[in-house]
Amino acid sequence: MLHIIENAFKDIDLEMFEMNRKFVIETQRAMFSVEAARGYLIAARQKIAGSKKMYALLIQSRENAVKEINEITADMIRNRNEKIVSKLKAKEINEIPSFDIEINNGSGNGYFKAGEHNVHIRTILAGGYNIQKLHQRTLTKVS
């Protein structure tokens, strides 16, 4: 079942890796071009990065920052897929057919039937004033 989910999400996952790689490049460029009054440079760069944790990731070399954000992205993908499997198993669904996620403007939608159940999987772009960057959120509804 996990393999089928991974296959359905492969294109959107590649897009997520690319989006995060671009985030590293663009944010590093902005962070290192900022000028601030003496004593305020780190705070100004942290504000651009979005958080102290993201700042710590982004002050590394570009190669290391991309490597680390790829590891974080891979963990997010793995967690997402495990949550989908968990939701399916909670409804006693142990086998699913192959399905496709249709990508439209960074979001994805998928639907399939598993026995008597209808499964809708929707990936949306999320973010807001308290989220450091745009990210993908996956919603799974089993009815």
Protein backbone atom coordinates (compact mmCIF):
# COMPACT_ATOMS: atom_id res chain seq x y z
CA MET A 1 0.00 0.00 0.00
CA LEU A 2 2.81 2.42 0.87
CA HIS A 3 4.44 1.89 -2.54
CA ILE A 4 1.19 2.83 -4.32
CA ILE A 5 0.94 6.05 -2.27
CA GLU A 6 4.59 6.93 -2.93
CA ASN A 7 4.06 6.37 -6.65
CA ALA A 8 0.94 8.56 -6.73
CA PHE A 9 2.78 11.42 -5.00
CA LYS A 10 6.08 11.17 -6.91
CA ASP A 11 5.50 14.27 -9.08
CA ILE A 12 4.22 16.46 -6.25
CA ASP A 13 7.12 15.28 -4.05
CA LEU A 14 9.65 16.26 -6.72
CA GLU A 15 7.96 19.65 -6.88
CA MET A 16 8.26 19.96 -3.09
CA PHE A 17 12.01 19.22 -3.19
CA GLU A 18 12.47 21.82 -5.95
CA MET A 19 10.36 24.41 -4.10
CA ASN A 20 12.46 23.94 -0.96
CA ARG A 21 15.75 24.11 -2.91
CA LYS A 22 14.62 27.43 -4.40
CA PHE A 23 13.61 28.64 -0.93
CA VAL A 24 17.17 27.98 0.32
CA ILE A 25 18.78 29.79 -2.61
CA GLU A 26 16.47 32.82 -2.55
CA THR A 27 16.43 33.18 1.24
CA GLN A 28 20.21 32.88 1.52
CA ARG A 29 20.57 35.52 -1.18
CA ALA A 30 18.25 37.86 0.74
CA MET A 31 19.87 37.12 4.12
CA PHE A 32 23.41 37.78 2.93
CA SER A 33 22.53 40.93 1.03
CA VAL A 34 20.85 42.62 3.99
CA GLU A 35 22.64 45.43 5.75
CA ALA A 36 21.73 46.40 9.27
CA ALA A 37 23.03 48.64 12.00
CA ARG A 38 25.81 47.23 14.11
CA GLY A 39 24.49 44.59 16.49
CA TYR A 40 21.27 44.03 14.52
CA LEU A 41 22.56 42.02 11.56
CA ILE A 42 21.80 38.57 13.01
CA ALA A 43 18.31 39.66 14.10
CA ALA A 44 17.64 41.08 10.62
CA ARG A 45 18.80 37.85 8.97
CA GLN A 46 16.74 35.72 11.38
CA LYS A 47 13.68 37.75 10.46
CA ILE A 48 14.29 37.03 6.76
CA ALA A 49 14.83 33.31 7.49
CA GLY A 50 11.60 33.17 9.49
CA SER A 51 12.94 31.57 12.65
CA LYS A 52 16.14 30.94 14.59
CA LYS A 53 16.05 27.28 13.55
CA MET A 54 15.72 28.14 9.85
CA TYR A 55 18.44 30.78 10.23
CA ALA A 56 20.76 28.11 11.66
CA LEU A 57 20.05 25.92 8.65
CA LEU A 58 20.53 28.74 6.14
CA ILE A 59 23.83 30.15 7.42
CA GLN A 60 25.53 26.94 6.30
CA SER A 61 26.99 26.60 2.81
CA ARG A 62 24.35 26.37 0.11
CA GLU A 63 25.25 22.71 -0.49
CA ASN A 64 24.83 21.79 3.19
CA ALA A 65 21.63 23.85 3.57
CA VAL A 66 20.05 22.15 0.54
CA LYS A 67 21.16 18.75 1.85
CA GLU A 68 19.60 19.45 5.25
CA ILE A 69 16.34 20.83 3.84
CA ASN A 70 16.13 17.77 1.56
CA GLU A 71 16.41 15.54 4.65
CA ILE A 72 13.64 17.54 6.37
CA THR A 73 11.50 17.30 3.22
CA ALA A 74 12.06 13.53 2.96
CA ASP A 75 10.95 13.18 6.60
CA MET A 76 7.82 15.25 5.90
CA ILE A 77 7.00 13.06 2.89
CA ARG A 78 7.57 9.86 4.88
CA ASN A 79 5.35 11.15 7.71
CA ARG A 80 2.63 12.19 5.27
CA ASN A 81 2.60 8.78 3.61
CA GLU A 82 2.55 6.99 6.98
CA LYS A 83 -0.40 9.13 8.12
CA ILE A 84 -2.33 8.25 4.97
CA VAL A 85 -1.66 4.54 5.50
CA SER A 86 -2.69 4.89 9.16
CA LYS A 87 -6.00 6.54 8.19
CA LEU A 88 -6.69 3.78 5.69
CA LYS A 89 -5.86 1.02 8.15
CA ALA A 90 -8.08 2.66 10.78
CA LYS A 91 -10.96 2.02 8.36
CA GLU A 92 -9.67 -1.56 7.89
CA ILE A 93 -8.47 -0.84 4.35
CA ASN A 94 -5.44 -3.02 3.65
CA GLU A 95 -5.28 -2.85 -0.15
CA ILE A 96 -5.74 0.07 -2.50
CA PRO A 97 -5.70 0.40 -6.28
CA SER A 98 -3.15 2.49 -8.11
CA PHE A 99 -4.29 6.10 -8.37
CA ASP A 100 -3.00 9.42 -9.63
CA ILE A 101 -2.67 12.76 -7.92
CA GLU A 102 -3.66 15.47 -10.38
CA ILE A 103 -1.47 18.54 -9.85
CA ASN A 104 -2.99 21.98 -10.35
CA ASN A 105 -1.11 25.16 -9.31
CA GLY A 106 0.96 23.41 -6.62
CA SER A 107 -1.99 21.52 -5.18
CA GLY A 108 -2.99 17.94 -5.87
CA ASN A 109 -6.17 15.90 -5.80
CA GLY A 110 -6.67 12.16 -5.86
CA TYR A 111 -9.62 9.84 -5.49
CA PHE A 112 -10.09 6.08 -5.42
CA LYS A 113 -12.47 3.44 -4.12
CA ALA A 114 -11.25 0.80 -1.67
CA GLY A 115 -13.97 -1.74 -1.08
CA GLU A 116 -16.98 0.14 0.22
CA HIS A 117 -14.95 3.26 1.01
CA ASN A 118 -14.36 6.39 -1.03
CA VAL A 119 -10.94 7.92 -0.42
CA HIS A 120 -10.21 11.55 -1.28
CA ILE A 121 -6.66 12.83 -0.95
CA ARG A 122 -6.07 16.54 -1.39
CA THR A 123 -2.74 18.34 -1.15
CA ILE A 124 -3.00 22.08 -0.63
CA LEU A 125 -0.56 24.94 -0.28
CA ALA A 126 -0.62 26.31 3.25
CA GLY A 127 1.04 29.11 5.12
CA GLY A 128 0.14 32.21 7.02
CA TYR A 129 1.41 35.03 9.16
CA ASN A 130 2.91 32.67 11.76
CA ILE A 131 4.28 30.06 9.32
CA GLN A 132 7.82 30.76 8.17
CA LYS A 133 7.26 29.61 4.61
CA LEU A 134 4.73 28.26 2.17
CA HIS A 135 4.39 24.49 2.48
CA GLN A 136 2.19 21.62 1.37
CA ARG A 137 -0.46 20.04 3.60
CA THR A 138 -2.19 16.78 2.73
CA LEU A 139 -5.77 16.11 3.73
CA THR A 140 -7.17 12.59 3.58
CA LYS A 141 -10.87 11.80 3.86
CA VAL A 142 -12.09 8.21 4.03
CA SER A 143 -15.87 7.84 3.83
